[in-house]
Protein backbone atom coordinates (compact mmCIF):
# COMPACT_ATOMS: atom_id res chain seq x y z
CA UNK A 1 97.20 175.31 49.35
CA UNK A 2 99.78 172.70 48.38
CA UNK A 3 102.49 175.16 49.37
CA UNK A 4 100.72 175.67 52.69
CA UNK A 5 100.63 171.92 53.40
CA UNK A 6 104.24 171.42 52.26
CA UNK A 7 105.32 174.21 54.60
CA UNK A 8 104.01 172.23 57.59
CA UNK A 9 100.96 174.39 58.30
CA UNK A 10 98.66 173.32 61.09
CA UNK A 11 95.49 171.50 59.90
CA UNK A 12 93.31 174.38 61.13
CA UNK A 13 95.21 176.75 58.81
CA UNK A 14 94.68 174.41 55.86
CA UNK A 15 90.96 174.01 56.53
CA UNK A 16 90.52 177.78 56.88
CA UNK A 17 92.45 178.31 53.63
CA UNK A 18 90.12 175.86 51.85
CA UNK A 19 87.10 177.82 53.08
CA UNK A 20 88.67 181.15 52.07
CA UNK A 21 89.63 180.01 48.56
CA UNK A 22 86.22 178.41 48.04
CA UNK A 23 84.43 181.59 49.02
CA UNK A 24 86.43 183.68 46.56
CA UNK A 25 86.06 181.08 43.79
CA UNK A 26 82.28 180.82 44.03
CA UNK A 27 81.58 184.37 45.11
CA UNK A 28 79.84 183.11 48.25
CA UNK A 29 79.45 185.26 51.35
CA UNK A 30 79.82 182.33 53.69
CA UNK A 31 81.72 179.03 53.39
CA UNK A 32 82.63 176.23 55.77
CA UNK A 33 84.55 172.96 55.86
CA UNK A 34 83.20 170.28 58.19
CA UNK A 35 84.44 166.85 59.23
CA UNK A 36 81.88 164.03 59.41
CA UNK A 37 82.10 161.61 62.34
CA UNK A 38 79.98 158.76 63.64
CA UNK A 39 79.06 157.95 67.18
CA UNK A 40 77.09 155.09 68.71
CA UNK A 41 73.72 156.36 69.93
CA UNK A 42 71.62 155.25 72.89
CA UNK A 43 69.83 152.69 70.67
CA UNK A 44 73.11 151.19 69.50
CA UNK A 45 72.79 152.71 66.03
CA UNK A 46 75.51 154.94 64.61
CA UNK A 47 74.56 158.62 64.56
CA UNK A 48 76.36 161.00 62.20
CA UNK A 49 77.72 164.40 63.24
CA UNK A 50 79.59 167.16 61.49
CA UNK A 51 82.16 169.35 63.21
CA UNK A 52 83.20 172.68 61.67
CA UNK A 53 86.98 172.66 61.07
CA UNK A 54 87.28 175.75 58.86
CA UNK A 55 85.06 178.73 58.02
CA UNK A 56 85.00 181.96 56.03
CA UNK A 57 82.76 185.04 56.04
CA UNK A 58 79.86 185.77 58.35
CA UNK A 59 79.61 182.17 59.56
CA UNK A 60 83.01 182.48 61.27
CA UNK A 61 81.48 184.45 64.14
CA UNK A 62 78.14 182.66 64.43
CA UNK A 63 79.32 179.11 63.79
CA UNK A 64 82.98 179.04 64.87
CA UNK A 65 85.47 176.24 64.38
CA UNK A 66 84.73 173.38 66.77
CA UNK A 67 80.93 173.66 66.69
CA UNK A 68 79.30 170.26 66.24
CA UNK A 69 75.90 169.37 64.74
CA UNK A 70 73.99 166.15 64.39
CA UNK A 71 73.60 165.28 60.69
CA UNK A 72 69.87 164.93 60.08
CA UNK A 73 67.90 163.95 56.96
CA UNK A 74 66.93 166.97 54.86
CA UNK A 75 70.07 168.94 55.64
CA UNK A 76 72.01 169.91 52.55
CA UNK A 77 75.18 168.41 54.05
CA UNK A 78 73.41 165.09 54.64
CA UNK A 79 72.16 164.98 51.07
CA UNK A 80 75.62 165.62 49.64
CA UNK A 81 77.27 163.00 51.83
CA UNK A 82 74.54 160.41 51.25
CA UNK A 83 74.56 160.77 47.46
CA UNK A 84 78.25 161.49 47.07
CA UNK A 85 77.41 164.42 44.77
CA UNK A 86 76.98 168.19 45.19
CA UNK A 87 73.58 169.28 46.48
CA UNK A 88 71.88 172.64 46.08
CA UNK A 89 69.17 174.06 48.33
CA UNK A 90 67.46 177.42 48.55
CA UNK A 91 64.46 179.07 50.14
CA UNK A 92 62.82 177.58 53.22
CA UNK A 93 64.51 174.20 52.81
CA UNK A 94 67.82 175.82 53.70
CA UNK A 95 66.60 176.32 57.27
CA UNK A 96 66.14 172.58 57.81
CA UNK A 97 68.49 171.07 60.35
CA UNK A 98 69.80 171.71 63.86
CA UNK A 99 71.42 175.02 62.82
CA UNK A 100 68.47 176.41 60.88
CA UNK A 101 68.02 179.32 63.29
CA UNK A 102 71.60 180.42 62.68
CA UNK A 103 71.11 180.22 58.93
CA UNK A 104 68.03 182.41 59.23
CA UNK A 105 69.84 184.94 61.42
CA UNK A 106 72.62 185.21 58.82
CA UNK A 107 70.10 185.91 56.08
CA UNK A 108 71.37 183.09 53.85
CA UNK A 109 68.91 182.16 51.07
CA UNK A 110 70.79 179.57 48.99
CA UNK A 111 73.61 177.07 49.51
CA UNK A 112 75.56 174.34 47.73
CA UNK A 113 77.16 171.45 49.63
CA UNK A 114 79.88 169.25 48.16
CA UNK A 115 81.19 166.04 49.73
CA UNK A 116 84.92 165.79 50.44
CA UNK A 117 86.04 162.29 49.42
CA UNK A 118 89.29 160.93 50.86
CA UNK A 119 90.38 157.43 49.83
CA UNK A 120 86.91 156.71 48.50
CA UNK A 121 85.12 157.67 51.75
CA UNK A 122 83.12 160.69 52.71
CA UNK A 123 85.61 162.54 54.92
CA UNK A 124 83.51 165.68 55.25
CA UNK A 125 81.61 168.35 53.40
CA UNK A 126 82.07 171.93 52.16
CA UNK A 127 79.21 174.41 52.09
CA UNK A 128 78.98 177.73 50.24
CA UNK A 129 76.01 180.03 50.97
CA UNK A 130 74.75 183.40 49.81
CA UNK A 131 72.10 185.93 50.76
CA UNK A 132 71.17 186.25 47.07
CA UNK A 133 68.28 184.36 45.54
CA UNK A 134 70.63 181.64 44.37
CA UNK A 135 74.24 180.86 43.62
CA UNK A 136 75.42 181.07 39.98
CA UNK A 137 74.64 178.23 37.62
CA UNK A 138 77.44 175.70 37.46
CA UNK A 139 78.48 176.36 41.08
CA UNK A 140 78.20 172.64 41.84
CA UNK A 141 80.68 171.68 39.11
CA UNK A 142 83.18 174.38 40.07
CA UNK A 143 82.91 173.44 43.76
CA UNK A 144 83.27 169.72 42.96
CA UNK A 145 86.38 170.33 40.86
CA UNK A 146 87.91 172.57 43.54
CA UNK A 147 87.00 170.18 46.37
CA UNK A 148 88.51 167.24 44.47
CA UNK A 149 91.82 169.08 44.30
CA UNK A 150 91.53 170.40 47.85
CA UNK A 151 90.81 166.89 49.16
CA UNK A 152 94.47 165.98 48.74
CA UNK A 153 95.57 168.92 50.87
CA UNK A 154 92.85 168.14 53.40
CA UNK A 155 93.84 164.46 53.58
CA UNK A 156 97.51 165.33 54.03
CA UNK A 157 96.76 167.90 56.70
CA UNK A 158 94.45 165.51 58.53
CA UNK A 159 96.98 162.68 58.36
CA UNK A 160 99.61 165.07 59.71
CA UNK A 161 97.29 165.99 62.59
CA UNK A 162 96.63 162.34 63.41
CA UNK A 163 100.36 161.64 63.40
CA UNK A 164 100.94 164.58 65.72
CA UNK A 165 98.18 163.36 68.00
CA UNK A 166 99.63 159.86 68.02
CA UNK A 167 103.13 161.18 68.71
CA UNK A 168 101.76 163.40 71.47
CA UNK A 169 99.88 160.49 73.04
CA UNK A 170 102.95 158.24 72.90
CA UNK A 171 105.08 160.98 74.45
CA UNK A 172 102.51 161.42 77.22
CA UNK A 173 102.49 157.71 77.94
CA UNK A 174 106.28 157.63 78.04
CA UNK A 175 106.21 160.43 80.59
CA UNK A 176 103.70 158.48 82.69
CA UNK A 177 105.74 155.28 82.41
CA UNK A 178 108.86 157.15 83.53
CA UNK A 179 106.93 158.60 86.45
CA UNK A 180 105.73 155.17 87.57
CA UNK A 181 109.16 153.59 87.10
CA UNK A 182 110.63 156.32 89.29
CA UNK A 183 108.38 155.25 92.16
CA UNK A 184 106.03 158.24 92.08
CA UNK A 185 103.06 157.91 94.47
CA UNK A 186 99.64 157.18 92.92
CA UNK A 187 98.40 160.72 93.60
CA UNK A 188 101.19 162.13 91.43
CA UNK A 189 100.45 159.61 88.68
CA UNK A 190 96.71 160.46 88.79
CA UNK A 191 97.45 164.18 88.45
CA UNK A 192 99.93 163.64 85.61
CA UNK A 193 97.54 161.39 83.66
CA UNK A 194 94.71 163.91 84.07
CA UNK A 195 96.96 166.76 82.99
CA UNK A 196 97.95 164.83 79.86
CA UNK A 197 94.28 164.10 79.08
CA UNK A 198 93.45 167.80 79.30
CA UNK A 199 96.37 168.71 77.07
CA UNK A 200 95.47 166.21 74.34
CA UNK A 201 91.67 166.14 74.39
CA UNK A 202 90.34 169.40 75.79
CA UNK A 203 91.10 172.92 76.88
CA UNK A 204 88.76 173.45 79.82
CA UNK A 205 88.62 170.90 82.63
CA UNK A 206 89.82 167.32 83.12
CA UNK A 207 89.07 165.11 86.11
CA UNK A 208 89.91 161.62 87.27
CA UNK A 209 87.32 159.99 89.50
CA UNK A 210 87.76 156.71 91.39
CA UNK A 211 84.77 154.46 92.08
CA UNK A 212 84.88 153.11 95.63
CA UNK A 213 83.66 149.67 96.66
CA UNK A 214 80.98 151.15 98.92
CA UNK A 215 79.27 152.80 95.95
CA UNK A 216 80.72 156.28 96.50
CA UNK A 217 83.21 158.09 94.27
CA UNK A 218 86.34 160.15 95.00
CA UNK A 219 87.88 162.97 92.98
CA UNK A 220 91.55 161.93 92.77
CA UNK A 221 92.77 164.56 90.26
CA UNK A 222 91.55 167.82 88.74
CA UNK A 223 93.27 169.91 86.08
CA UNK A 224 92.19 173.15 84.43
CA UNK A 225 89.22 175.22 85.43
CA UNK A 226 87.39 174.25 88.62
CA UNK A 227 84.88 175.51 91.15
CA UNK A 228 86.00 176.58 94.65
CA UNK A 229 84.13 173.70 96.31
CA UNK A 230 85.73 171.03 94.08
CA UNK A 231 88.71 169.62 95.98
CA UNK A 232 90.93 166.68 95.14
CA UNK A 233 90.59 163.92 97.72
CA UNK A 234 86.97 164.77 98.58
CA UNK A 235 84.01 162.58 97.84
CA UNK A 236 82.59 163.21 94.38
CA UNK A 237 78.97 164.16 95.00
CA UNK A 238 76.20 166.32 93.58
CA UNK A 239 76.64 165.19 89.99
CA UNK A 240 73.60 164.93 87.66
CA UNK A 241 71.70 161.63 87.98
CA UNK A 242 71.96 161.11 84.22
CA UNK A 243 75.44 162.58 83.87
CA UNK A 244 78.78 161.02 83.07
CA UNK A 245 79.60 159.56 86.48
CA UNK A 246 76.35 157.61 86.76
CA UNK A 247 76.39 156.48 83.14
CA UNK A 248 79.99 155.26 83.11
CA UNK A 249 79.57 153.47 86.43
CA UNK A 250 76.37 151.78 85.26
CA UNK A 251 77.53 150.78 81.78
CA UNK A 252 81.30 150.55 82.11
CA UNK A 253 81.53 152.34 78.77
CA UNK A 254 82.39 155.79 77.46
CA UNK A 255 79.72 158.48 77.71
CA UNK A 256 79.18 162.09 76.70
CA UNK A 257 76.97 165.05 77.53
CA UNK A 258 76.75 167.62 74.74
CA UNK A 259 74.69 170.11 76.76
CA UNK A 260 74.51 169.99 80.56
CA UNK A 261 71.87 172.68 80.40
CA UNK A 262 69.52 170.17 78.79
CA UNK A 263 69.75 167.43 81.46
CA UNK A 264 68.26 167.27 84.94
CA UNK A 265 70.71 168.40 87.60
CA UNK A 266 73.17 169.84 85.10
CA UNK A 267 72.76 173.44 86.24
CA UNK A 268 75.65 173.31 88.72
CA UNK A 269 77.97 171.96 86.05
CA UNK A 270 76.97 174.78 83.70
CA UNK A 271 77.60 177.33 86.45
CA UNK A 272 81.06 175.88 86.80
CA UNK A 273 81.66 176.77 83.16
CA UNK A 274 81.35 173.24 81.76
CA UNK A 275 78.73 172.99 79.02
CA UNK A 276 79.70 169.59 77.61
CA UNK A 277 82.06 166.72 78.45
CA UNK A 278 83.19 163.23 77.50
CA UNK A 279 84.19 160.52 79.96
CA UNK A 280 85.85 157.15 79.41
CA UNK A 281 86.16 154.33 81.95
CA UNK A 282 89.42 153.13 83.50
CA UNK A 283 89.56 149.38 84.03
CA UNK A 284 92.27 148.05 86.35
CA UNK A 285 92.81 144.28 86.69
CA UNK A 286 89.48 143.61 85.02
CA UNK A 287 87.53 145.86 87.40
CA UNK A 288 85.93 149.22 86.70
CA UNK A 289 88.30 151.41 88.71
CA UNK A 290 87.05 154.86 87.73
CA UNK A 291 86.98 157.29 84.83
CA UNK A 292 88.60 160.33 83.21
CA UNK A 293 86.32 163.14 82.05
CA UNK A 294 87.28 166.09 79.84
CA UNK A 295 85.15 169.17 79.21
CA UNK A 296 86.10 171.79 76.58
CA UNK A 297 85.66 175.52 76.88
CA UNK A 298 83.60 175.83 73.70
CA UNK A 299 81.05 173.50 72.15
CA UNK A 300 80.66 169.71 72.16
CA UNK A 301 83.72 167.57 71.59
CA UNK A 302 84.36 165.78 68.26
CA UNK A 303 82.57 162.48 67.79
CA UNK A 304 85.82 160.48 67.75
CA UNK A 305 86.87 161.79 71.18
CA UNK A 306 85.64 158.67 72.97
CA UNK A 307 87.67 156.42 70.70
CA UNK A 308 90.81 158.52 71.01
CA UNK A 309 90.47 158.85 74.79
CA UNK A 310 89.79 155.12 75.17
CA UNK A 311 93.07 154.30 73.44
CA UNK A 312 94.79 156.74 75.78
CA UNK A 313 93.13 155.53 78.98
CA UNK A 314 93.76 151.87 78.16
CA UNK A 315 97.45 152.65 78.64
CA UNK A 316 96.78 155.08 81.47
CA UNK A 317 95.06 152.20 83.27
CA UNK A 318 98.34 150.30 83.14
CA UNK A 319 100.17 153.25 84.69
CA UNK A 320 97.48 153.59 87.37
CA UNK A 321 97.59 149.85 88.10
CA UNK A 322 101.39 149.83 88.30
CA UNK A 323 101.47 152.85 90.62
CA UNK A 324 98.73 151.41 92.81
CA UNK A 325 100.27 147.93 92.88
CA UNK A 326 103.66 149.38 93.77
CA UNK A 327 102.12 151.31 96.66
CA UNK A 328 100.24 148.23 97.84
CA UNK A 329 103.45 146.19 97.58
CA UNK A 330 105.38 148.75 99.61
CA UNK A 331 102.60 148.83 102.19
CA UNK A 332 102.58 145.05 102.35
CA UNK A 333 106.36 144.90 102.75
CA UNK A 334 106.22 147.58 105.42
CA UNK A 335 103.58 145.57 107.29
CA UNK A 336 105.77 142.46 107.06
CA UNK A 337 108.78 144.37 108.38
CA UNK A 338 106.69 145.84 111.19
CA UNK A 339 105.33 142.41 112.10
CA UNK A 340 108.86 140.96 112.14
CA UNK A 341 110.09 143.82 114.34
CA UNK A 342 107.19 143.30 116.71
CA UNK A 343 107.97 139.58 116.91
CA UNK A 344 111.63 140.34 117.68
CA UNK A 345 110.57 142.84 120.33
CA UNK A 346 108.24 140.29 121.90
CA UNK A 347 111.00 137.65 121.93
CA UNK A 348 113.40 140.13 123.53
CA UNK A 349 110.81 141.04 126.15
CA UNK A 350 109.95 137.42 126.89
CA UNK A 351 113.61 136.48 127.22
CA UNK A 352 114.29 139.49 129.44
CA UNK A 353 111.24 139.12 131.64
CA UNK A 354 111.09 135.32 131.63
CA UNK A 355 114.14 133.16 130.95
CA UNK A 356 116.73 135.79 131.85
CA UNK A 357 115.10 136.67 135.17
CA UNK A 358 114.69 132.99 135.97
CA UNK A 359 118.35 132.32 135.30
CA UNK A 360 119.40 135.26 137.49
CA UNK A 361 117.26 133.91 140.30
CA UNK A 362 118.87 130.45 139.97
CA UNK A 363 122.35 131.99 140.00
CA UNK A 364 121.56 133.87 143.21
CA UNK A 365 120.25 130.69 144.85
CA UNK A 366 123.37 128.81 143.84
CA UNK A 367 125.59 131.50 145.35
CA UNK A 368 123.59 131.37 148.55
CA UNK A 369 123.97 127.60 148.64
CA UNK A 370 127.70 127.91 148.07
CA UNK A 371 127.99 130.11 151.15
CA UNK A 372 126.05 127.72 153.40
CA UNK A 373 128.33 126.65 156.36
CA UNK A 374 127.07 123.05 156.49
CA UNK A 375 128.25 122.25 152.98
CA UNK A 376 131.66 120.75 152.29
CA UNK A 377 134.37 122.91 150.76
CA UNK A 378 134.42 120.89 147.52
CA UNK A 379 130.66 121.24 147.11
CA UNK A 380 130.80 124.98 147.74
CA UNK A 381 133.50 125.36 145.09
CA UNK A 382 131.49 123.34 142.58
CA UNK A 383 128.32 125.31 143.27
CA UNK A 384 130.25 128.61 142.88
CA UNK A 385 131.66 127.42 139.55
CA UNK A 386 128.13 126.55 138.34
CA UNK A 387 126.88 129.97 139.46
CA UNK A 388 129.75 131.70 137.61
CA UNK A 389 129.02 129.69 134.47
CA UNK A 390 125.36 130.55 134.81
CA UNK A 391 126.19 134.27 134.97
CA UNK A 392 128.25 133.86 131.80
CA UNK A 393 125.22 132.33 130.11
CA UNK A 394 123.13 135.26 131.35
CA UNK A 395 125.61 137.76 129.86
CA UNK A 396 125.51 135.91 126.55
CA UNK A 397 121.72 135.87 126.68
CA UNK A 398 121.72 139.61 127.28
CA UNK A 399 123.85 140.12 124.17
CA UNK A 400 121.50 137.90 122.24
CA UNK A 401 118.51 139.93 123.44
CA UNK A 402 120.28 143.11 122.46
CA UNK A 403 120.82 141.73 118.95
CA UNK A 404 117.22 140.61 118.60
CA UNK A 405 115.83 144.03 119.49
CA UNK A 406 117.69 146.63 121.58
CA UNK A 407 115.67 147.66 124.59
CA UNK A 408 117.32 151.11 124.58
CA UNK A 409 115.87 151.78 121.12
CA UNK A 410 112.35 151.20 122.41
CA UNK A 411 112.78 153.12 125.64
CA UNK A 412 115.03 156.03 124.63
CA UNK A 413 115.03 156.33 120.84
CA UNK A 414 117.47 156.28 117.96
CA UNK A 415 120.07 158.77 119.15
CA UNK A 416 120.91 156.97 122.45
CA UNK A 417 120.69 153.59 120.71
CA UNK A 418 123.27 154.62 118.08
CA UNK A 419 125.59 155.96 120.75
CA UNK A 420 125.29 152.63 122.61
CA UNK A 421 126.28 150.84 119.40
CA UNK A 422 129.35 153.06 119.10
CA UNK A 423 130.42 152.29 122.68
CA UNK A 424 130.20 148.53 122.10
CA UNK A 425 131.87 148.61 118.65
CA UNK A 426 135.15 146.74 118.25
CA UNK A 427 136.25 149.47 115.80
CA UNK A 428 136.56 153.13 116.89
CA UNK A 429 133.52 155.12 115.80
CA UNK A 430 133.31 158.82 114.97
CA UNK A 431 129.62 159.64 115.35
CA UNK A 432 127.61 162.75 114.48
CA UNK A 433 123.89 162.38 115.26
CA UNK A 434 121.56 165.33 114.68
CA UNK A 435 118.14 163.98 115.61
CA UNK A 436 115.82 165.80 117.98
CA UNK A 437 113.02 163.88 119.63
CA UNK A 438 111.55 160.56 118.54
CA UNK A 439 110.87 159.34 115.03
CA UNK A 440 108.34 156.74 113.88
CA UNK A 441 109.32 153.39 115.32
CA UNK A 442 109.86 151.66 111.96
CA UNK A 443 112.26 154.38 110.84
CA UNK A 444 114.26 154.17 114.08
CA UNK A 445 114.51 150.39 113.80
CA UNK A 446 115.51 150.54 110.12
CA UNK A 447 118.23 153.12 110.71
CA UNK A 448 119.49 151.25 113.79
CA UNK A 449 119.98 148.00 111.88
CA UNK A 450 121.80 149.77 109.05
CA UNK A 451 124.35 151.16 111.50
CA UNK A 452 124.53 147.91 113.49
CA UNK A 453 125.15 145.74 110.42
CA UNK A 454 127.78 148.09 109.00
CA UNK A 455 129.67 148.26 112.31
CA UNK A 456 129.65 144.46 112.47
CA UNK A 457 130.91 144.19 108.88
CA UNK A 458 133.64 146.76 109.52
CA UNK A 459 134.93 144.71 112.45
CA UNK A 460 134.55 141.19 110.99
CA UNK A 461 135.28 141.61 107.29
CA UNK A 462 136.61 145.05 106.38
CA UNK A 463 139.54 145.22 108.84
CA UNK A 464 138.75 148.91 109.22
CA UNK A 465 140.57 151.21 111.64
CA UNK A 466 137.75 153.75 111.99
CA UNK A 467 134.07 154.09 111.10
CA UNK A 468 132.19 157.35 110.54
CA UNK A 469 128.48 157.44 111.35
CA UNK A 470 126.36 160.44 110.41
CA UNK A 471 122.63 160.63 111.06
CA UNK A 472 120.35 163.62 110.55
CA UNK A 473 116.61 164.18 110.50
CA UNK A 474 115.62 167.36 108.66
CA UNK A 475 113.42 168.54 105.83
CA UNK A 476 111.12 165.54 106.12
CA UNK A 477 113.96 163.04 105.61
CA UNK A 478 116.08 160.85 107.87
CA UNK A 479 119.56 160.44 106.37
CA UNK A 480 122.01 157.87 107.69
CA UNK A 481 125.51 157.31 106.28
CA UNK A 482 128.12 154.83 107.53
CA UNK A 483 131.65 154.91 106.08
CA UNK A 484 134.72 152.85 106.96
CA UNK A 485 138.33 152.86 105.74
CA UNK A 486 138.53 149.11 105.36
CA UNK A 487 139.17 146.68 102.52
CA UNK A 488 136.02 147.51 100.55
CA UNK A 489 134.72 145.12 97.92
CA UNK A 490 131.40 144.47 99.68
CA UNK A 491 129.08 142.65 97.29
CA UNK A 492 125.38 142.14 98.15
CA UNK A 493 125.22 139.32 95.58
CA UNK A 494 127.43 137.18 97.82
CA UNK A 495 124.60 136.87 100.32
CA UNK A 496 125.68 139.45 102.87
CA UNK A 497 123.30 141.20 105.23
CA UNK A 498 123.34 144.19 102.86
CA UNK A 499 120.51 142.61 100.86
CA UNK A 500 118.31 142.47 103.93
CA UNK A 501 119.15 146.07 104.79
CA UNK A 502 118.21 147.27 101.30
CA UNK A 503 114.94 145.31 101.40
CA UNK A 504 114.08 146.86 104.77
CA UNK A 505 114.81 150.41 103.60
CA UNK A 506 112.90 149.85 100.32
CA UNK A 507 109.92 148.57 102.29
CA UNK A 508 109.88 151.83 104.23
CA UNK A 509 109.80 153.86 101.01
CA UNK A 510 113.43 154.92 101.31
CA UNK A 511 116.56 154.68 99.19
CA UNK A 512 119.67 152.60 99.88
CA UNK A 513 123.02 153.19 98.15
CA UNK A 514 126.27 151.22 98.49
CA UNK A 515 129.75 152.25 97.34
CA UNK A 516 132.50 149.77 98.10
CA UNK A 517 135.42 149.72 95.62
CA UNK A 518 138.13 147.15 96.43
CA UNK A 519 140.67 148.76 98.73
CA UNK A 520 138.64 151.95 98.99
CA UNK A 521 136.49 151.31 102.05
CA UNK A 522 132.73 150.88 102.20
CA UNK A 523 130.08 153.57 102.30
CA UNK A 524 126.37 152.97 102.84
CA UNK A 525 123.81 155.77 102.81
CA UNK A 526 120.08 155.57 103.17
CA UNK A 527 117.30 158.15 103.14
CA UNK A 528 113.90 157.55 104.72
CA UNK A 529 110.85 159.81 104.38
CA UNK A 530 109.61 161.21 107.69
CA UNK A 531 105.90 162.16 107.86
CA UNK A 532 105.33 165.83 108.63
CA UNK A 533 103.47 165.03 111.86
CA UNK A 534 105.85 162.28 112.99
CA UNK A 535 108.08 164.26 115.39
CA UNK A 536 107.65 163.14 118.98
CA UNK A 537 109.21 164.46 122.19
CA UNK A 538 112.03 162.54 123.80
CA UNK A 539 110.80 159.74 126.00
CA UNK A 540 111.19 160.23 129.72
CA UNK A 541 112.95 157.61 131.84
CA UNK A 542 110.69 154.66 132.36
CA UNK A 543 108.34 155.60 129.51
């Protein structure tokens, strides 16, 4: 056994080896190794359970590894653990306990249980049973001596398993943290966290459920086995009134169901293939946000599952909160950008329809006055000069309006607006625009200002001789790249408009990259996600 542990055997192999060796040593037909665990009951008291971790002989089929029993007074295991000494039982007393029917079906007539002590505590218990009238005299002493030696191997194997579990949990949390840091949407984070929970705590089904403010619940992730009518994104309904969802929402604490067949309304869960499950709450910013539930394929889960899952979900809650807060921040920034664009559009419209039209009307009246025959020549010249100056102001106002928000962008879309920018550019522009139809307004405005700002920089600061503009909408992404052959060396930290452009693109959920080595020109590329249903036909004149 020491060789087995030193060779890095899995804990399950070590526990099975202990059961095998014990059976051969005592001459028992059936042996088992069980781990003792404690769980807080409904009355607040700690209830004890044993979970089979290794078995040998006939019991391997009837009571497989993973089966869990409540430890009740009168059971031979309870006596051994309570007294700290081997306990022998035979005859009818052997059938006492929650697995008495199995003992009877196996035909066992006598058994000896020996506590497994690790670091002075009752870690678990071994049991050897026979169909004979009784086990040989001295079986207790031989089992105690063997178990004392085996306890070291058991402790080492268990410690190794806990280290592996801890390392696995830490690796899972690193993966989640990387996912959040990369800007993954909440739905992807929910699915990843649920997948990790299934991998580390169960082998059947794992679900993440969000509690809504209106009292309903939503299934936000599902991994593993599932029923056809269980769909992510749907309302979570039809669960047992005394099941996990209700209990966790009411208490804000972890909960378990060891047998759905024994609770009211649990039939549908059993039909789904889920006999038992454990759920732990997820608290985000001090509020009960939801829960993660895991259901195994076979038997109730170990008693320490709630504790282990709580440690996991405490950190998962941070990932969920970060992903959700990032989404809310992006949404908030997008709303701010949209509100600013709407304000600019309103200013442009007011200037065009109000002040600009009024100035044009005044200029026309002045020209009419200048042509009146009764006026002196000097007065006509002065009035004509005022009218000319007024038209200059109108032209400047039109340029200002165009800078605030280009009317062509609203009326015709991004492709004509970019071509208009190229025509007005002080630097020659080579443009390739592959965009069919209209895009969401915020995307068109964002892309327009990227090109506009870069053309302005190329003319004012870069001393460029040519600018290349490429824009394409395909595969659910709008890509815009602007490159010039100017002086380069653009630095957003010096307060240029590049910072504002990046903020705008970030707010729209896109990416913004800048490459501007000194003397090597400047290149700016951005990518913006286009919703699948966002394509619109080209606007008709006047629309």
